[in-house]
Amino acid sequence: MAQVHEDVVWLKPGQLAERAGVAVSTLHYYESLGLITSRRTAGNRREYRRDTLRVLAFIRASQRVGISLDRISDALASLPDEGLPTKKDWARISRDWEDDLNERIDHLTALRDKFSNCIGCGCLSLKSCPYSNPDDILGADGKGARRIP
């Protein structure tokens, strides 16, 4: 891993990407969504502030637990414009997402438990499965996926 002296405030895209464990194209994508920002050098090259590493860590951790980029963007927009976010800022965001995360956990637990029964059943019928679609209640809403968020 490339070593960057702690006094360096601005990082080149390759340095930031390597340190954060993402591709440079991911940096550009996040920037296009307004999740991170860069400045341009006199040679029109991007540079990112070193503290962008914290933002990238937050984005990646949030995505790992299923938080959408839209919600991540809203959370980042709620942070102070000046200075680094505080522990209280991160705790507030965590509290805001707690109900949603608990709901996801409950949903995944139920899926896991029902899936175990389905493996034993072997019917593989989404139309008549008493676990995933009792009495074809999902079919009443029309064709296509109904439970994919």
N, C-alpha and C. Protein backbone atom coordinates (compact mmCIF):
# COMPACT_ATOMS: atom_id res chain seq x y z
N MET A 1 0.84 -1.17 0.00
CA MET A 1 0.00 0.00 0.00
C MET A 1 0.89 1.24 0.00
N ALA A 2 0.50 2.23 -0.78
CA ALA A 2 1.27 3.46 -0.85
C ALA A 2 1.23 4.20 0.48
N GLN A 3 2.38 4.65 0.93
CA GLN A 3 2.46 5.40 2.17
C GLN A 3 2.31 6.88 1.85
N VAL A 4 1.45 7.54 2.58
CA VAL A 4 1.23 8.97 2.41
C VAL A 4 1.54 9.63 3.74
N HIS A 5 2.44 10.59 3.70
CA HIS A 5 2.84 11.28 4.93
C HIS A 5 1.63 11.94 5.56
N GLU A 6 1.55 11.93 6.88
CA GLU A 6 0.37 12.44 7.58
C GLU A 6 0.15 13.94 7.41
N ASP A 7 1.16 14.68 6.97
CA ASP A 7 1.00 16.12 6.74
C ASP A 7 0.33 16.42 5.40
N VAL A 8 0.25 15.43 4.53
CA VAL A 8 -0.36 15.63 3.21
C VAL A 8 -1.87 15.76 3.38
N VAL A 9 -2.40 16.86 2.87
CA VAL A 9 -3.83 17.13 2.99
C VAL A 9 -4.57 16.66 1.74
N TRP A 10 -3.95 16.80 0.59
CA TRP A 10 -4.61 16.46 -0.67
C TRP A 10 -4.01 15.18 -1.25
N LEU A 11 -4.89 14.28 -1.71
CA LEU A 11 -4.47 13.00 -2.27
C LEU A 11 -4.88 12.90 -3.74
N LYS A 12 -4.04 12.27 -4.51
CA LYS A 12 -4.37 11.98 -5.91
C LYS A 12 -5.41 10.86 -5.93
N PRO A 13 -6.20 10.78 -6.97
CA PRO A 13 -7.24 9.74 -7.03
C PRO A 13 -6.70 8.33 -6.80
N GLY A 14 -5.56 8.00 -7.37
CA GLY A 14 -4.99 6.67 -7.19
C GLY A 14 -4.61 6.41 -5.75
N GLN A 15 -4.06 7.42 -5.08
CA GLN A 15 -3.69 7.27 -3.67
C GLN A 15 -4.93 7.05 -2.80
N LEU A 16 -5.95 7.88 -3.03
CA LEU A 16 -7.17 7.77 -2.25
C LEU A 16 -7.86 6.42 -2.50
N ALA A 17 -7.93 6.03 -3.75
CA ALA A 17 -8.59 4.77 -4.10
C ALA A 17 -7.88 3.59 -3.44
N GLU A 18 -6.56 3.59 -3.48
CA GLU A 18 -5.80 2.49 -2.88
C GLU A 18 -6.01 2.45 -1.37
N ARG A 19 -5.94 3.61 -0.74
CA ARG A 19 -6.11 3.66 0.72
C ARG A 19 -7.52 3.25 1.14
N ALA A 20 -8.52 3.60 0.32
CA ALA A 20 -9.91 3.32 0.66
C ALA A 20 -10.35 1.93 0.20
N GLY A 21 -9.57 1.30 -0.66
CA GLY A 21 -9.93 -0.03 -1.16
C GLY A 21 -11.04 0.00 -2.19
N VAL A 22 -11.08 1.06 -2.99
CA VAL A 22 -12.07 1.18 -4.06
C VAL A 22 -11.35 1.49 -5.37
N ALA A 23 -12.05 1.38 -6.47
CA ALA A 23 -11.50 1.74 -7.76
C ALA A 23 -11.59 3.26 -7.96
N VAL A 24 -10.71 3.80 -8.78
CA VAL A 24 -10.76 5.23 -9.08
C VAL A 24 -12.11 5.57 -9.72
N SER A 25 -12.64 4.66 -10.53
CA SER A 25 -13.95 4.91 -11.15
C SER A 25 -15.05 5.06 -10.09
N THR A 26 -14.89 4.37 -8.96
CA THR A 26 -15.85 4.50 -7.86
C THR A 26 -15.79 5.91 -7.29
N LEU A 27 -14.59 6.46 -7.17
CA LEU A 27 -14.45 7.85 -6.70
C LEU A 27 -15.18 8.80 -7.64
N HIS A 28 -14.98 8.60 -8.92
CA HIS A 28 -15.64 9.47 -9.91
C HIS A 28 -17.16 9.33 -9.83
N TYR A 29 -17.63 8.09 -9.64
CA TYR A 29 -19.07 7.86 -9.54
C TYR A 29 -19.64 8.54 -8.29
N TYR A 30 -18.98 8.34 -7.15
CA TYR A 30 -19.45 8.98 -5.92
C TYR A 30 -19.42 10.50 -6.06
N GLU A 31 -18.42 11.00 -6.75
CA GLU A 31 -18.34 12.44 -6.95
C GLU A 31 -19.49 12.93 -7.84
N SER A 32 -19.82 12.15 -8.87
CA SER A 32 -20.93 12.54 -9.75
C SER A 32 -22.26 12.57 -9.00
N LEU A 33 -22.37 11.77 -7.93
CA LEU A 33 -23.58 11.76 -7.09
C LEU A 33 -23.55 12.82 -6.00
N GLY A 34 -22.41 13.50 -5.85
CA GLY A 34 -22.27 14.53 -4.84
C GLY A 34 -21.93 13.99 -3.46
N LEU A 35 -21.51 12.72 -3.38
CA LEU A 35 -21.17 12.13 -2.09
C LEU A 35 -19.80 12.59 -1.60
N ILE A 36 -18.89 12.82 -2.52
CA ILE A 36 -17.55 13.33 -2.20
C ILE A 36 -17.25 14.46 -3.16
N THR A 37 -16.24 15.26 -2.83
CA THR A 37 -15.84 16.37 -3.70
C THR A 37 -14.34 16.34 -3.92
N SER A 38 -13.92 16.97 -4.98
CA SER A 38 -12.50 17.11 -5.28
C SER A 38 -12.24 18.54 -5.73
N ARG A 39 -10.98 18.84 -5.87
CA ARG A 39 -10.60 20.11 -6.48
C ARG A 39 -9.76 19.77 -7.70
N ARG A 40 -9.57 20.74 -8.55
CA ARG A 40 -8.75 20.56 -9.75
C ARG A 40 -7.43 21.31 -9.58
N THR A 41 -6.37 20.65 -9.99
CA THR A 41 -5.05 21.29 -9.95
C THR A 41 -4.91 22.20 -11.15
N ALA A 42 -3.78 22.92 -11.22
CA ALA A 42 -3.50 23.77 -12.38
C ALA A 42 -3.45 22.94 -13.65
N GLY A 43 -3.06 21.67 -13.53
CA GLY A 43 -3.02 20.75 -14.68
C GLY A 43 -4.35 20.04 -14.92
N ASN A 44 -5.42 20.51 -14.28
CA ASN A 44 -6.77 19.98 -14.41
C ASN A 44 -6.90 18.53 -13.93
N ARG A 45 -6.11 18.17 -12.95
CA ARG A 45 -6.21 16.83 -12.35
C ARG A 45 -6.96 16.93 -11.02
N ARG A 46 -7.69 15.88 -10.72
CA ARG A 46 -8.44 15.85 -9.46
C ARG A 46 -7.50 15.63 -8.28
N GLU A 47 -7.89 16.22 -7.16
CA GLU A 47 -7.27 15.94 -5.86
C GLU A 47 -8.39 15.90 -4.83
N TYR A 48 -8.24 14.99 -3.88
CA TYR A 48 -9.24 14.83 -2.82
C TYR A 48 -8.62 15.14 -1.47
N ARG A 49 -9.40 15.79 -0.61
CA ARG A 49 -8.93 16.02 0.75
C ARG A 49 -8.75 14.68 1.44
N ARG A 50 -7.75 14.62 2.29
CA ARG A 50 -7.44 13.40 3.03
C ARG A 50 -8.64 12.91 3.85
N ASP A 51 -9.45 13.83 4.39
CA ASP A 51 -10.59 13.41 5.21
C ASP A 51 -11.70 12.74 4.40
N THR A 52 -11.55 12.72 3.08
CA THR A 52 -12.48 11.98 2.23
C THR A 52 -12.41 10.49 2.54
N LEU A 53 -11.28 10.04 3.09
CA LEU A 53 -11.15 8.64 3.48
C LEU A 53 -12.22 8.26 4.50
N ARG A 54 -12.52 9.14 5.44
CA ARG A 54 -13.56 8.87 6.43
C ARG A 54 -14.93 8.77 5.78
N VAL A 55 -15.18 9.65 4.84
CA VAL A 55 -16.46 9.64 4.14
C VAL A 55 -16.60 8.34 3.34
N LEU A 56 -15.53 7.94 2.68
CA LEU A 56 -15.58 6.69 1.92
C LEU A 56 -15.80 5.49 2.83
N ALA A 57 -15.18 5.48 3.99
CA ALA A 57 -15.39 4.39 4.95
C ALA A 57 -16.86 4.35 5.38
N PHE A 58 -17.44 5.52 5.62
CA PHE A 58 -18.85 5.61 5.99
C PHE A 58 -19.74 5.08 4.86
N ILE A 59 -19.46 5.49 3.64
CA ILE A 59 -20.27 5.05 2.49
C ILE A 59 -20.21 3.53 2.36
N ARG A 60 -19.01 2.98 2.41
CA ARG A 60 -18.84 1.53 2.23
C ARG A 60 -19.51 0.74 3.36
N ALA A 61 -19.36 1.20 4.60
CA ALA A 61 -19.99 0.50 5.73
C ALA A 61 -21.52 0.58 5.61
N SER A 62 -22.02 1.72 5.20
CA SER A 62 -23.46 1.89 5.04
C SER A 62 -24.01 0.99 3.94
N GLN A 63 -23.30 0.91 2.84
CA GLN A 63 -23.73 0.05 1.74
C GLN A 63 -23.72 -1.42 2.16
N ARG A 64 -22.74 -1.80 2.96
CA ARG A 64 -22.65 -3.21 3.40
C ARG A 64 -23.88 -3.64 4.21
N VAL A 65 -24.51 -2.71 4.90
CA VAL A 65 -25.71 -3.06 5.67
C VAL A 65 -26.99 -2.74 4.89
N GLY A 66 -26.85 -2.41 3.62
CA GLY A 66 -28.01 -2.25 2.76
C GLY A 66 -28.60 -0.87 2.65
N ILE A 67 -27.89 0.14 3.09
CA ILE A 67 -28.40 1.52 2.99
C ILE A 67 -28.16 2.01 1.56
N SER A 68 -29.19 2.60 0.98
CA SER A 68 -29.09 3.07 -0.41
C SER A 68 -28.21 4.31 -0.50
N LEU A 69 -27.68 4.54 -1.69
CA LEU A 69 -26.85 5.73 -1.90
C LEU A 69 -27.66 7.02 -1.71
N ASP A 70 -28.95 6.98 -1.99
CA ASP A 70 -29.80 8.15 -1.76
C ASP A 70 -29.85 8.50 -0.27
N ARG A 71 -30.03 7.48 0.58
CA ARG A 71 -30.09 7.72 2.03
C ARG A 71 -28.72 8.14 2.55
N ILE A 72 -27.67 7.56 1.99
CA ILE A 72 -26.32 7.95 2.38
C ILE A 72 -26.09 9.41 2.03
N SER A 73 -26.54 9.81 0.84
CA SER A 73 -26.41 11.20 0.41
C SER A 73 -27.15 12.14 1.36
N ASP A 74 -28.37 11.77 1.74
CA ASP A 74 -29.13 12.59 2.69
C ASP A 74 -28.40 12.72 4.02
N ALA A 75 -27.83 11.61 4.48
CA ALA A 75 -27.09 11.63 5.75
C ALA A 75 -25.88 12.54 5.65
N LEU A 76 -25.14 12.43 4.55
CA LEU A 76 -23.95 13.26 4.38
C LEU A 76 -24.33 14.74 4.29
N ALA A 77 -25.48 15.02 3.66
CA ALA A 77 -25.93 16.41 3.54
C ALA A 77 -26.29 16.99 4.90
N SER A 78 -26.61 16.15 5.87
CA SER A 78 -26.99 16.63 7.20
C SER A 78 -25.77 16.93 8.08
N LEU A 79 -24.58 16.59 7.60
CA LEU A 79 -23.36 16.84 8.38
C LEU A 79 -22.96 18.31 8.26
N PRO A 80 -22.19 18.81 9.22
CA PRO A 80 -21.77 20.22 9.17
C PRO A 80 -20.91 20.49 7.94
N ASP A 81 -21.09 21.68 7.37
CA ASP A 81 -20.30 22.07 6.20
C ASP A 81 -18.84 22.33 6.56
N GLU A 82 -18.62 22.86 7.74
CA GLU A 82 -17.26 23.20 8.16
C GLU A 82 -16.77 22.22 9.21
N GLY A 83 -15.55 21.82 9.10
CA GLY A 83 -14.96 20.93 10.09
C GLY A 83 -15.37 19.49 9.89
N LEU A 84 -14.72 18.62 10.66
CA LEU A 84 -15.01 17.20 10.58
C LEU A 84 -16.26 16.86 11.38
N PRO A 85 -17.03 15.88 10.93
CA PRO A 85 -18.19 15.44 11.71
C PRO A 85 -17.72 14.91 13.07
N THR A 86 -18.56 15.11 14.06
CA THR A 86 -18.24 14.65 15.41
C THR A 86 -18.85 13.27 15.65
N LYS A 87 -18.47 12.68 16.77
CA LYS A 87 -19.05 11.40 17.16
C LYS A 87 -20.57 11.53 17.30
N LYS A 88 -21.03 12.68 17.78
CA LYS A 88 -22.48 12.92 17.92
C LYS A 88 -23.18 12.92 16.57
N ASP A 89 -22.52 13.48 15.56
CA ASP A 89 -23.10 13.49 14.21
C ASP A 89 -23.31 12.07 13.71
N TRP A 90 -22.27 11.23 13.87
CA TRP A 90 -22.37 9.84 13.39
C TRP A 90 -23.40 9.07 14.21
N ALA A 91 -23.49 9.33 15.52
CA ALA A 91 -24.47 8.66 16.37
C ALA A 91 -25.90 9.03 15.95
N ARG A 92 -26.12 10.28 15.59
CA ARG A 92 -27.45 10.72 15.13
C ARG A 92 -27.86 9.98 13.88
N ILE A 93 -26.94 9.86 12.94
CA ILE A 93 -27.24 9.14 11.70
C ILE A 93 -27.56 7.67 12.02
N SER A 94 -26.78 7.08 12.89
CA SER A 94 -27.02 5.70 13.28
C SER A 94 -28.40 5.53 13.88
N ARG A 95 -28.80 6.44 14.76
CA ARG A 95 -30.14 6.38 15.37
C ARG A 95 -31.22 6.52 14.31
N ASP A 96 -31.00 7.41 13.34
CA ASP A 96 -31.98 7.61 12.27
C ASP A 96 -32.19 6.34 11.46
N TRP A 97 -31.16 5.53 11.33
CA TRP A 97 -31.24 4.32 10.51
C TRP A 97 -31.59 3.07 11.31
N GLU A 98 -31.64 3.18 12.63
CA GLU A 98 -31.80 1.99 13.48
C GLU A 98 -33.07 1.21 13.18
N ASP A 99 -34.22 1.88 13.05
CA ASP A 99 -35.47 1.17 12.77
C ASP A 99 -35.41 0.44 11.44
N ASP A 100 -34.85 1.11 10.44
CA ASP A 100 -34.74 0.49 9.12
C ASP A 100 -33.83 -0.74 9.18
N LEU A 101 -32.72 -0.64 9.88
CA LEU A 101 -31.81 -1.77 9.98
C LEU A 101 -32.44 -2.93 10.74
N ASN A 102 -33.17 -2.63 11.82
CA ASN A 102 -33.86 -3.70 12.56
C ASN A 102 -34.92 -4.38 11.69
N GLU A 103 -35.62 -3.60 10.88
CA GLU A 103 -36.61 -4.17 9.96
C GLU A 103 -35.93 -5.09 8.94
N ARG A 104 -34.78 -4.67 8.42
CA ARG A 104 -34.04 -5.52 7.47
C ARG A 104 -33.59 -6.82 8.13
N ILE A 105 -33.12 -6.70 9.37
CA ILE A 105 -32.68 -7.90 10.10
C ILE A 105 -33.86 -8.85 10.29
N ASP A 106 -35.00 -8.34 10.70
CA ASP A 106 -36.19 -9.17 10.89
C ASP A 106 -36.60 -9.83 9.58
N HIS A 107 -36.57 -9.06 8.50
CA HIS A 107 -36.95 -9.59 7.18
C HIS A 107 -35.99 -10.70 6.75
N LEU A 108 -34.70 -10.48 6.91
CA LEU A 108 -33.71 -11.49 6.52
C LEU A 108 -33.81 -12.74 7.40
N THR A 109 -34.08 -12.55 8.68
CA THR A 109 -34.25 -13.69 9.57
C THR A 109 -35.44 -14.53 9.14
N ALA A 110 -36.56 -13.88 8.83
CA ALA A 110 -37.74 -14.60 8.37
C ALA A 110 -37.47 -15.32 7.05
N LEU A 111 -36.77 -14.66 6.14
CA LEU A 111 -36.43 -15.30 4.86
C LEU A 111 -35.57 -16.53 5.10
N ARG A 112 -34.57 -16.40 5.96
CA ARG A 112 -33.69 -17.52 6.26
C ARG A 112 -34.48 -18.69 6.83
N ASP A 113 -35.36 -18.41 7.77
CA ASP A 113 -36.13 -19.46 8.42
C ASP A 113 -37.09 -20.14 7.44
N LYS A 114 -37.73 -19.36 6.61
CA LYS A 114 -38.66 -19.94 5.62
C LYS A 114 -37.91 -20.67 4.52
N PHE A 115 -36.76 -20.16 4.16
CA PHE A 115 -35.97 -20.79 3.10
C PHE A 115 -35.55 -22.20 3.51
N SER A 116 -35.20 -22.38 4.78
CA SER A 116 -34.84 -23.71 5.27
C SER A 116 -35.99 -24.68 5.06
N ASN A 117 -37.23 -24.25 5.32
CA ASN A 117 -38.39 -25.10 5.10
C ASN A 117 -38.58 -25.39 3.61
N CYS A 118 -38.32 -24.41 2.78
CA CYS A 118 -38.50 -24.60 1.34
C CYS A 118 -37.49 -25.60 0.77
N ILE A 119 -36.29 -25.60 1.29
CA ILE A 119 -35.30 -26.56 0.80
C ILE A 119 -35.79 -27.98 1.08
N GLY A 120 -36.37 -28.20 2.26
CA GLY A 120 -36.89 -29.52 2.61
C GLY A 120 -38.11 -29.89 1.79
N CYS A 121 -38.91 -28.90 1.43
CA CYS A 121 -40.14 -29.15 0.67
C CYS A 121 -39.83 -29.59 -0.76
N GLY A 122 -39.01 -28.82 -1.43
CA GLY A 122 -38.62 -29.16 -2.79
C GLY A 122 -39.65 -28.83 -3.86
N CYS A 123 -40.76 -28.20 -3.51
CA CYS A 123 -41.79 -27.94 -4.52
C CYS A 123 -41.36 -26.89 -5.53
N LEU A 124 -40.58 -25.93 -5.10
CA LEU A 124 -40.09 -24.84 -5.96
C LEU A 124 -41.22 -24.12 -6.70
N SER A 125 -42.39 -24.06 -6.11
CA SER A 125 -43.52 -23.39 -6.74
C SER A 125 -43.79 -22.07 -6.03
N LEU A 126 -43.50 -21.00 -6.69
CA LEU A 126 -43.79 -19.69 -6.11
C LEU A 126 -45.28 -19.41 -6.10
N LYS A 127 -46.01 -20.08 -7.01
CA LYS A 127 -47.44 -19.83 -7.10
C LYS A 127 -48.20 -20.46 -5.94
N SER A 128 -47.78 -21.64 -5.51
CA SER A 128 -48.54 -22.33 -4.48
C SER A 128 -47.79 -22.51 -3.16
N CYS A 129 -46.65 -21.92 -3.01
CA CYS A 129 -45.84 -22.10 -1.80
C CYS A 129 -46.54 -21.50 -0.59
N PRO A 130 -46.78 -22.32 0.46
CA PRO A 130 -47.46 -21.79 1.64
C PRO A 130 -46.59 -20.84 2.45
N TYR A 131 -45.29 -20.82 2.18
CA TYR A 131 -44.38 -19.94 2.93
C TYR A 131 -44.16 -18.62 2.23
N SER A 132 -43.83 -18.67 0.96
CA SER A 132 -43.48 -17.42 0.28
C SER A 132 -44.67 -16.75 -0.41
N ASN A 133 -45.75 -17.51 -0.67
CA ASN A 133 -46.88 -16.93 -1.39
C ASN A 133 -48.15 -17.71 -1.11
N PRO A 134 -48.65 -17.70 0.12
CA PRO A 134 -49.85 -18.48 0.43
C PRO A 134 -51.05 -18.01 -0.39
N ASP A 135 -51.76 -18.98 -0.96
CA ASP A 135 -52.96 -18.72 -1.78
C ASP A 135 -52.69 -17.76 -2.93
N ASP A 136 -51.46 -17.71 -3.41
CA ASP A 136 -51.06 -16.85 -4.52
C ASP A 136 -51.49 -15.39 -4.31
N ILE A 137 -51.32 -14.90 -3.09
CA ILE A 137 -51.71 -13.52 -2.79
C ILE A 137 -50.92 -12.50 -3.60
N LEU A 138 -49.69 -12.85 -3.96
CA LEU A 138 -48.88 -11.92 -4.74
C LEU A 138 -49.35 -11.85 -6.19
N GLY A 139 -49.89 -12.95 -6.70
CA GLY A 139 -50.39 -12.98 -8.07
C GLY A 139 -51.56 -12.04 -8.28
N ALA A 140 -52.29 -11.74 -7.23
CA ALA A 140 -53.43 -10.83 -7.34
C ALA A 140 -52.99 -9.42 -7.71
N ASP A 141 -51.73 -9.10 -7.43
CA ASP A 141 -51.23 -7.76 -7.74
C ASP A 141 -50.68 -7.64 -9.15
N GLY A 142 -50.71 -8.72 -9.92
CA GLY A 142 -50.21 -8.68 -11.29
C GLY A 142 -48.91 -9.45 -11.43
N LYS A 143 -48.36 -9.42 -12.65
CA LYS A 143 -47.14 -10.16 -12.94
C LYS A 143 -45.92 -9.44 -12.41
N GLY A 144 -44.83 -10.21 -12.25
CA GLY A 144 -43.55 -9.62 -11.86
C GLY A 144 -43.25 -9.77 -10.39
N ALA A 145 -42.04 -9.38 -10.05
CA ALA A 145 -41.57 -9.50 -8.66
C ALA A 145 -42.34 -8.55 -7.76
N ARG A 146 -42.69 -9.03 -6.58
CA ARG A 146 -43.45 -8.22 -5.64
C ARG A 146 -42.70 -7.96 -4.34
N ARG A 147 -41.74 -8.80 -4.01
CA ARG A 147 -41.07 -8.67 -2.72
C ARG A 147 -39.65 -8.16 -2.82
N ILE A 148 -39.22 -7.84 -3.98
CA ILE A 148 -37.87 -7.31 -4.12
C ILE A 148 -37.92 -5.83 -3.88
N PRO A 149 -37.26 -5.36 -2.81
CA PRO A 149 -37.33 -3.93 -2.48
C PRO A 149 -36.67 -3.06 -3.52
